[in-house]
Amino acid sequence: QSTIHLTKNPMFHSRSKHIDVRYHWIREALDEKKLKIEKIHTDLNWSDMMTKSIPIKKVEDCCQGAGILVPSN
């Protein structure tokens, strides 16, 4: 949620000063309505299987949601 807020609020903040200027293009893309930023609940975030350790049931759900075939046991 803090990332979403940061993309919508262009104010300089001491906690965001480390973000390289080349990444500020996202603000322009949002202004031009080229992108839409929204929060995705963890139950619907299919990329979880690529970024963290999760239970096998969640892996199966992520694979199904991402359209990846899961071999049966």
N, C-alpha and C. Protein backbone atom coordinates (compact mmCIF):
# COMPACT_ATOMS: atom_id res chain seq x y z
N GLN A 1 0.82 -1.19 0.00
CA GLN A 1 0.00 0.00 0.00
C GLN A 1 0.86 1.25 0.00
N SER A 2 2.02 1.17 0.65
CA SER A 2 2.88 2.36 0.67
C SER A 2 3.42 2.66 -0.72
N THR A 3 3.67 1.66 -1.53
CA THR A 3 4.12 1.88 -2.90
C THR A 3 3.04 2.56 -3.72
N ILE A 4 1.80 2.12 -3.55
CA ILE A 4 0.69 2.75 -4.25
C ILE A 4 0.59 4.22 -3.86
N HIS A 5 0.70 4.49 -2.57
CA HIS A 5 0.62 5.88 -2.11
C HIS A 5 1.77 6.71 -2.68
N LEU A 6 2.96 6.13 -2.71
CA LEU A 6 4.13 6.85 -3.21
C LEU A 6 3.99 7.18 -4.69
N THR A 7 3.37 6.30 -5.48
CA THR A 7 3.19 6.59 -6.91
C THR A 7 2.17 7.70 -7.13
N LYS A 8 1.23 7.84 -6.22
CA LYS A 8 0.18 8.84 -6.38
C LYS A 8 0.55 10.19 -5.77
N ASN A 9 1.49 10.21 -4.84
CA ASN A 9 1.86 11.44 -4.15
C ASN A 9 3.28 11.84 -4.55
N PRO A 10 3.43 12.85 -5.39
CA PRO A 10 4.76 13.22 -5.89
C PRO A 10 5.62 14.02 -4.90
N MET A 11 5.14 14.23 -3.72
CA MET A 11 5.91 15.00 -2.74
C MET A 11 7.22 14.29 -2.40
N PHE A 12 8.30 15.07 -2.29
CA PHE A 12 9.58 14.52 -1.89
C PHE A 12 9.52 14.14 -0.42
N HIS A 13 10.07 13.02 -0.08
CA HIS A 13 10.07 12.56 1.30
C HIS A 13 11.42 11.94 1.58
N SER A 14 11.93 12.11 2.77
CA SER A 14 13.26 11.59 3.11
C SER A 14 13.35 10.08 2.95
N ARG A 15 12.24 9.39 3.08
CA ARG A 15 12.26 7.94 2.93
C ARG A 15 12.25 7.50 1.46
N SER A 16 11.93 8.40 0.57
CA SER A 16 11.89 8.04 -0.85
C SER A 16 13.06 8.64 -1.63
N LYS A 17 13.97 9.30 -0.96
CA LYS A 17 15.06 9.95 -1.68
C LYS A 17 16.02 8.95 -2.32
N HIS A 18 16.01 7.71 -1.87
CA HIS A 18 16.90 6.70 -2.42
C HIS A 18 16.41 6.15 -3.76
N ILE A 19 15.18 6.46 -4.16
CA ILE A 19 14.64 5.97 -5.42
C ILE A 19 15.26 6.75 -6.57
N ASP A 20 15.90 6.02 -7.46
CA ASP A 20 16.58 6.65 -8.59
C ASP A 20 15.58 7.38 -9.48
N VAL A 21 15.99 8.51 -10.01
CA VAL A 21 15.13 9.35 -10.84
C VAL A 21 14.59 8.58 -12.04
N ARG A 22 15.33 7.62 -12.56
CA ARG A 22 14.88 6.89 -13.74
C ARG A 22 13.62 6.07 -13.48
N TYR A 23 13.27 5.85 -12.21
CA TYR A 23 12.07 5.10 -11.89
C TYR A 23 10.84 5.99 -11.70
N HIS A 24 11.00 7.28 -11.82
CA HIS A 24 9.88 8.21 -11.64
C HIS A 24 8.97 8.27 -12.86
N TRP A 25 9.31 7.56 -13.94
CA TRP A 25 8.47 7.52 -15.14
C TRP A 25 7.08 6.99 -14.82
N ILE A 26 6.97 6.20 -13.77
CA ILE A 26 5.67 5.60 -13.43
C ILE A 26 4.65 6.68 -13.09
N ARG A 27 5.09 7.77 -12.50
CA ARG A 27 4.16 8.86 -12.20
C ARG A 27 3.58 9.45 -13.49
N GLU A 28 4.43 9.61 -14.49
CA GLU A 28 3.95 10.12 -15.78
C GLU A 28 2.98 9.13 -16.42
N ALA A 29 3.29 7.85 -16.35
CA ALA A 29 2.41 6.83 -16.93
C ALA A 29 1.06 6.82 -16.23
N LEU A 30 1.04 7.04 -14.93
CA LEU A 30 -0.22 7.11 -14.19
C LEU A 30 -1.01 8.36 -14.58
N ASP A 31 -0.32 9.49 -14.72
CA ASP A 31 -0.99 10.73 -15.13
C ASP A 31 -1.61 10.60 -16.51
N GLU A 32 -0.93 9.87 -17.40
CA GLU A 32 -1.41 9.68 -18.77
C GLU A 32 -2.39 8.51 -18.88
N LYS A 33 -2.75 7.92 -17.74
CA LYS A 33 -3.70 6.80 -17.69
C LYS A 33 -3.23 5.58 -18.48
N LYS A 34 -1.91 5.40 -18.57
CA LYS A 34 -1.35 4.22 -19.24
C LYS A 34 -1.31 3.02 -18.30
N LEU A 35 -1.27 3.29 -17.01
CA LEU A 35 -1.22 2.25 -15.99
C LEU A 35 -2.27 2.51 -14.92
N LYS A 36 -2.64 1.43 -14.24
CA LYS A 36 -3.53 1.54 -13.10
C LYS A 36 -2.89 0.74 -11.97
N ILE A 37 -2.66 1.37 -10.85
CA ILE A 37 -2.04 0.72 -9.71
C ILE A 37 -3.13 0.37 -8.71
N GLU A 38 -3.16 -0.89 -8.28
CA GLU A 38 -4.13 -1.29 -7.27
C GLU A 38 -3.55 -2.40 -6.40
N LYS A 39 -4.07 -2.49 -5.20
CA LYS A 39 -3.64 -3.53 -4.26
C LYS A 39 -4.25 -4.87 -4.67
N ILE A 40 -3.43 -5.91 -4.61
CA ILE A 40 -3.90 -7.26 -4.89
C ILE A 40 -3.80 -8.06 -3.60
N HIS A 41 -4.91 -8.59 -3.15
CA HIS A 41 -4.94 -9.38 -1.92
C HIS A 41 -4.03 -10.60 -2.08
N THR A 42 -3.39 -11.01 -1.01
CA THR A 42 -2.44 -12.11 -1.06
C THR A 42 -3.07 -13.41 -1.58
N ASP A 43 -4.37 -13.60 -1.37
CA ASP A 43 -5.03 -14.81 -1.88
C ASP A 43 -5.15 -14.81 -3.39
N LEU A 44 -5.01 -13.64 -4.01
CA LEU A 44 -5.13 -13.52 -5.46
C LEU A 44 -3.80 -13.15 -6.13
N ASN A 45 -2.72 -13.14 -5.37
CA ASN A 45 -1.42 -12.75 -5.90
C ASN A 45 -0.67 -13.99 -6.36
N TRP A 46 -0.79 -14.30 -7.64
CA TRP A 46 -0.21 -15.54 -8.16
C TRP A 46 1.31 -15.50 -8.21
N SER A 47 1.91 -14.35 -8.09
CA SER A 47 3.37 -14.27 -8.11
C SER A 47 3.99 -14.69 -6.77
N ASP A 48 3.19 -14.91 -5.75
CA ASP A 48 3.71 -15.34 -4.45
C ASP A 48 4.57 -16.59 -4.58
N MET A 49 4.20 -17.49 -5.48
CA MET A 49 4.95 -18.74 -5.60
C MET A 49 6.37 -18.48 -6.11
N MET A 50 6.62 -17.33 -6.70
CA MET A 50 7.94 -17.00 -7.22
C MET A 50 8.76 -16.17 -6.24
N THR A 51 8.12 -15.63 -5.21
CA THR A 51 8.82 -14.66 -4.36
C THR A 51 9.00 -15.09 -2.92
N LYS A 52 8.30 -16.13 -2.49
CA LYS A 52 8.43 -16.52 -1.08
C LYS A 52 8.11 -17.99 -0.87
N SER A 53 8.46 -18.47 0.26
CA SER A 53 8.16 -19.85 0.63
C SER A 53 6.70 -19.92 1.08
N ILE A 54 5.92 -20.81 0.42
CA ILE A 54 4.49 -20.91 0.72
C ILE A 54 4.09 -22.38 0.79
N PRO A 55 2.98 -22.69 1.47
CA PRO A 55 2.51 -24.08 1.57
C PRO A 55 2.10 -24.63 0.20
N ILE A 56 2.13 -25.94 0.04
CA ILE A 56 1.84 -26.60 -1.23
C ILE A 56 0.46 -26.24 -1.76
N LYS A 57 -0.53 -26.09 -0.89
CA LYS A 57 -1.88 -25.71 -1.32
C LYS A 57 -1.85 -24.36 -2.01
N LYS A 58 -1.09 -23.41 -1.45
CA LYS A 58 -0.97 -22.08 -2.04
C LYS A 58 -0.24 -22.17 -3.38
N VAL A 59 0.78 -23.04 -3.48
CA VAL A 59 1.49 -23.23 -4.75
C VAL A 59 0.52 -23.73 -5.81
N GLU A 60 -0.31 -24.70 -5.44
CA GLU A 60 -1.30 -25.24 -6.38
C GLU A 60 -2.29 -24.15 -6.82
N ASP A 61 -2.75 -23.35 -5.86
CA ASP A 61 -3.68 -22.25 -6.19
C ASP A 61 -3.00 -21.23 -7.11
N CYS A 62 -1.74 -20.91 -6.83
CA CYS A 62 -1.01 -19.94 -7.64
C CYS A 62 -0.82 -20.48 -9.07
N CYS A 63 -0.48 -21.75 -9.17
CA CYS A 63 -0.30 -22.35 -10.49
C CYS A 63 -1.60 -22.33 -11.27
N GLN A 64 -2.68 -22.67 -10.61
CA GLN A 64 -3.99 -22.66 -11.27
C GLN A 64 -4.34 -21.23 -11.71
N GLY A 65 -4.14 -20.28 -10.82
CA GLY A 65 -4.46 -18.89 -11.14
C GLY A 65 -3.59 -18.34 -12.26
N ALA A 66 -2.34 -18.79 -12.34
CA ALA A 66 -1.42 -18.31 -13.37
C ALA A 66 -1.54 -19.12 -14.66
N GLY A 67 -2.37 -20.17 -14.63
CA GLY A 67 -2.55 -20.98 -15.82
C GLY A 67 -1.43 -21.96 -16.08
N ILE A 68 -0.74 -22.37 -15.02
CA ILE A 68 0.36 -23.31 -15.12
C ILE A 68 -0.13 -24.69 -14.70
N LEU A 69 0.21 -25.70 -15.49
CA LEU A 69 -0.20 -27.06 -15.14
C LEU A 69 0.66 -27.59 -14.01
N VAL A 70 0.01 -28.25 -13.06
CA VAL A 70 0.71 -28.84 -11.93
C VAL A 70 0.69 -30.35 -12.11
N PRO A 71 1.86 -31.01 -12.11
CA PRO A 71 1.85 -32.46 -12.25
C PRO A 71 1.17 -33.12 -11.06
N SER A 72 0.37 -34.13 -11.33
CA SER A 72 -0.31 -34.82 -10.23
C SER A 72 0.65 -35.77 -9.53
N ASN A 73 0.39 -36.03 -8.25
CA ASN A 73 1.27 -36.89 -7.45
C ASN A 73 1.02 -38.32 -7.71
